[in-house]
Each structure stands twice: as structure tokens, then as C-alpha cells.
C-alpha atoms as a PDB file:
ATOM      1  CA  UNK A   1     106.567 159.406  90.552  1.00  0.00           C
ATOM      2  CA  UNK A   2     107.695 160.653  93.949  1.00  0.00           C
ATOM      3  CA  UNK A   3     109.935 163.656  94.472  1.00  0.00           C
ATOM      4  CA  UNK A   4     112.942 161.531  95.506  1.00  0.00           C
ATOM      5  CA  UNK A   5     112.506 159.266  92.451  1.00  0.00           C
ATOM      6  CA  UNK A   6     112.356 162.302  90.180  1.00  0.00           C
ATOM      7  CA  UNK A   7     115.543 163.747  91.679  1.00  0.00           C
ATOM      8  CA  UNK A   8     117.322 160.413  91.288  1.00  0.00           C
ATOM      9  CA  UNK A   9     116.123 160.133  87.685  1.00  0.00           C
ATOM     10  CA  UNK A  10     117.384 163.649  86.873  1.00  0.00           C
ATOM     11  CA  UNK A  11     120.744 162.922  88.496  1.00  0.00           C
ATOM     12  CA  UNK A  12     121.183 159.745  86.445  1.00  0.00           C
ATOM     13  CA  UNK A  13     120.222 161.490  83.190  1.00  0.00           C
ATOM     14  CA  UNK A  14     122.553 164.443  83.822  1.00  0.00           C
ATOM     15  CA  UNK A  15     125.485 162.123  84.570  1.00  0.00           C
ATOM     16  CA  UNK A  16     124.844 160.090  81.418  1.00  0.00           C
ATOM     17  CA  UNK A  17     124.687 163.186  79.215  1.00  0.00           C
ATOM     18  CA  UNK A  18     127.983 164.601  80.496  1.00  0.00           C
ATOM     19  CA  UNK A  19     126.611 167.457  82.547  1.00  0.00           C
ATOM     20  CA  UNK A  20     128.990 170.401  82.173  1.00  0.00           C
ATOM     21  CA  UNK A  21     128.577 171.295  85.838  1.00  0.00           C
ATOM     22  CA  UNK A  22     130.509 168.149  86.725  1.00  0.00           C
ATOM     23  CA  UNK A  23     133.141 168.514  83.995  1.00  0.00           C
ATOM     24  CA  UNK A  24     136.673 169.129  85.201  1.00  0.00           C
ATOM     25  CA  UNK A  25     139.756 169.812  83.140  1.00  0.00           C
ATOM     26  CA  UNK A  26     143.190 168.355  83.802  1.00  0.00           C
ATOM     27  CA  UNK A  27     145.601 170.862  85.310  1.00  0.00           C
ATOM     28  CA  UNK A  28     148.946 170.878  83.468  1.00  0.00           C
ATOM     29  CA  UNK A  29     151.118 173.730  84.802  1.00  0.00           C
ATOM     30  CA  UNK A  30     151.123 177.137  86.442  1.00  0.00           C
ATOM     31  CA  UNK A  31     153.815 179.640  85.452  1.00  0.00           C
ATOM     32  CA  UNK A  32     154.611 183.080  86.848  1.00  0.00           C
ATOM     33  CA  UNK A  33     155.072 185.753  84.202  1.00  0.00           C
ATOM     34  CA  UNK A  34     155.894 188.851  86.221  1.00  0.00           C
ATOM     35  CA  UNK A  35     155.296 190.731  89.443  1.00  0.00           C
ATOM     36  CA  UNK A  36     154.184 194.341  89.081  1.00  0.00           C
ATOM     37  CA  UNK A  37     153.633 196.555  92.122  1.00  0.00           C
ATOM     38  CA  UNK A  38     153.188 193.549  94.414  1.00  0.00           C
ATOM     39  CA  UNK A  39     150.717 191.919  92.025  1.00  0.00           C
ATOM     40  CA  UNK A  40     151.685 188.551  90.513  1.00  0.00           C
ATOM     41  CA  UNK A  41     150.757 187.953  86.855  1.00  0.00           C
ATOM     42  CA  UNK A  42     150.706 184.285  85.858  1.00  0.00           C
ATOM     43  CA  UNK A  43     148.946 181.672  83.752  1.00  0.00           C
ATOM     44  CA  UNK A  44     147.492 178.243  84.421  1.00  0.00           C
ATOM     45  CA  UNK A  45     147.278 175.639  81.661  1.00  0.00           C
ATOM     46  CA  UNK A  46     144.493 173.040  81.559  1.00  0.00           C
ATOM     47  CA  UNK A  47     144.060 170.188  79.094  1.00  0.00           C
ATOM     48  CA  UNK A  48     140.472 170.501  77.911  1.00  0.00           C
ATOM     49  CA  UNK A  49     140.361 167.628  75.470  1.00  0.00           C
ATOM     50  CA  UNK A  50     142.535 165.127  73.652  1.00  0.00           C
ATOM     51  CA  UNK A  51     144.544 167.803  71.790  1.00  0.00           C
ATOM     52  CA  UNK A  52     143.208 171.043  73.299  1.00  0.00           C
ATOM     53  CA  UNK A  53     144.532 173.359  75.988  1.00  0.00           C
ATOM     54  CA  UNK A  54     143.300 176.469  77.776  1.00  0.00           C
ATOM     55  CA  UNK A  55     145.610 179.166  79.088  1.00  0.00           C
ATOM     56  CA  UNK A  56     144.010 181.175  81.887  1.00  0.00           C
ATOM     57  CA  UNK A  57     145.920 184.406  82.476  1.00  0.00           C
ATOM     58  CA  UNK A  58     145.407 185.718  86.014  1.00  0.00           C
ATOM     59  CA  UNK A  59     146.610 188.299  88.503  1.00  0.00           C
ATOM     60  CA  UNK A  60     146.963 187.779  92.244  1.00  0.00           C
ATOM     61  CA  UNK A  61     147.467 190.200  95.081  1.00  0.00           C
ATOM     62  CA  UNK A  62     147.523 188.666  98.545  1.00  0.00           C
ATOM     63  CA  UNK A  63     144.655 186.177  98.645  1.00  0.00           C
ATOM     64  CA  UNK A  64     142.688 187.939  95.888  1.00  0.00           C
ATOM     65  CA  UNK A  65     142.861 186.408  92.377  1.00  0.00           C
ATOM     66  CA  UNK A  66     141.300 187.779  89.183  1.00  0.00           C
ATOM     67  CA  UNK A  67     141.076 186.164  85.744  1.00  0.00           C
ATOM     68  CA  UNK A  68     142.310 188.486  82.993  1.00  0.00           C
ATOM     69  CA  UNK A  69     141.578 186.448  79.844  1.00  0.00           C
ATOM     70  CA  UNK A  70     141.775 182.957  78.310  1.00  0.00           C
ATOM     71  CA  UNK A  71     143.505 181.601  75.215  1.00  0.00           C
ATOM     72  CA  UNK A  72     142.573 178.284  73.590  1.00  0.00           C
ATOM     73  CA  UNK A  73     145.174 176.317  71.599  1.00  0.00           C
ATOM     74  CA  UNK A  74     145.688 172.865  70.138  1.00  0.00           C
ATOM     75  CA  UNK A  75     148.484 170.429  70.993  1.00  0.00           C
ATOM     76  CA  UNK A  76     150.815 171.470  68.164  1.00  0.00           C
ATOM     77  CA  UNK A  77     150.619 175.136  69.170  1.00  0.00           C
ATOM     78  CA  UNK A  78     150.933 174.316  72.888  1.00  0.00           C
ATOM     79  CA  UNK A  79     154.209 172.418  72.442  1.00  0.00           C
ATOM     80  CA  UNK A  80     155.725 175.108  70.178  1.00  0.00           C
ATOM     81  CA  UNK A  81     154.510 178.196  72.018  1.00  0.00           C
ATOM     82  CA  UNK A  82     156.984 180.738  73.411  1.00  0.00           C
ATOM     83  CA  UNK A  83     156.335 184.051  75.176  1.00  0.00           C
ATOM     84  CA  UNK A  84     158.296 187.287  75.257  1.00  0.00           C
ATOM     85  CA  UNK A  85     157.458 189.613  78.154  1.00  0.00           C
ATOM     86  CA  UNK A  86     158.098 193.370  78.197  1.00  0.00           C
ATOM     87  CA  UNK A  87     157.094 195.697  81.035  1.00  0.00           C
ATOM     88  CA  UNK A  88     156.703 199.378  80.176  1.00  0.00           C
ATOM     89  CA  UNK A  89     155.406 201.624  82.966  1.00  0.00           C
ATOM     90  CA  UNK A  90     151.946 200.221  83.824  1.00  0.00           C
ATOM     91  CA  UNK A  91     151.644 197.891  80.805  1.00  0.00           C
ATOM     92  CA  UNK A  92     152.790 194.270  80.606  1.00  0.00           C
ATOM     93  CA  UNK A  93     153.100 193.219  76.953  1.00  0.00           C
ATOM     94  CA  UNK A  94     153.177 189.474  76.293  1.00  0.00           C
ATOM     95  CA  UNK A  95     153.986 188.555  72.701  1.00  0.00           C
ATOM     96  CA  UNK A  96     153.815 185.042  71.326  1.00  0.00           C
ATOM     97  CA  UNK A  97     154.387 183.238  68.048  1.00  0.00           C
ATOM     98  CA  UNK A  98     151.028 181.468  67.972  1.00  0.00           C
ATOM     99  CA  UNK A  99     148.068 182.967  66.171  1.00  0.00           C
ATOM    100  CA  UNK A 100     145.665 184.737  68.457  1.00  0.00           C
ATOM    101  CA  UNK A 101     143.474 187.761  68.572  1.00  0.00           C
ATOM    102  CA  UNK A 102     144.809 190.579  70.695  1.00  0.00           C
ATOM    103  CA  UNK A 103     143.645 190.061  74.274  1.00  0.00           C
ATOM    104  CA  UNK A 104     143.642 192.764  76.913  1.00  0.00           C
ATOM    105  CA  UNK A 105     143.029 192.578  80.647  1.00  0.00           C
ATOM    106  CA  UNK A 106     143.463 194.965  83.530  1.00  0.00           C
ATOM    107  CA  UNK A 107     144.539 193.984  87.022  1.00  0.00           C
ATOM    108  CA  UNK A 108     142.839 195.346  90.122  1.00  0.00           C
ATOM    109  CA  UNK A 109     145.828 197.640  90.726  1.00  0.00           C
ATOM    110  CA  UNK A 110     145.559 199.036  87.183  1.00  0.00           C
ATOM    111  CA  UNK A 111     148.283 197.200  85.280  1.00  0.00           C
ATOM    112  CA  UNK A 112     147.283 196.652  81.655  1.00  0.00           C
ATOM    113  CA  UNK A 113     148.134 193.128  80.435  1.00  0.00           C
ATOM    114  CA  UNK A 114     148.185 192.620  76.670  1.00  0.00           C
ATOM    115  CA  UNK A 115     148.648 189.321  74.802  1.00  0.00           C
ATOM    116  CA  UNK A 116     149.326 189.636  71.078  1.00  0.00           C
ATOM    117  CA  UNK A 117     151.061 187.914  68.202  1.00  0.00           C
ATOM    118  CA  UNK A 118     154.715 188.665  67.478  1.00  0.00           C
END
């Protein structure tokens, strides 16, 4: 088997097995949460399956973006989910009604972002 045939064979096999490198999720929405000291805090929602969603919480300052944490939910939780946002000094507290472990992230400018259940 020649090198080019082997590469073609591997490409075909990886595409048939659903190679995760080629997997893309469907973007749903991006929503700003707050702006703290010139740094935007927001989340992007992606549909990752038939009834599954991923929330990617991020911070952005200028052209620099950093991922803070991710939350995974099902369709029922996604449609019923609500957030309450409270800013106290250098901490942004995001509370929600859906069940989740407490998640904590820190922006590059030092703002602590906490997601927890109500």
C-alpha cells in the first residue's frame, strides 16, 4: 500500500467513525451578562445533540477572549433556565434555578465569576 493510499484510507475511516476533530456544534445564541472594568462577560450557547446544550461562559477585553467555564444542560432545563446577576466589588455572582455544581472562573483582569444554584 502506498503512502497516498494509506492517507486516503485513514481519511475515509475517520470520516465514517465520526472523527471528533471534524465535529461542530450548532451555535444558538450569544448573550452579554455584564461589563466589568472594560471586560465583557458573556455566554455562548451551542446545541450539542438532539436535546443537549452547552453554555460557554467567557470574558473578552479588546480582541482577547478567555473561556471561564462550561455548563451542560438538557432541553427542558435550557428552555426554563433564568439567571440573576449581582456584581459586588470584583465578584460577579450568577445564580440560576437549574441544578449545577458551583463553577468559578477568573478573568484576566481579576474579576471572579461564580455560577451557582439559587
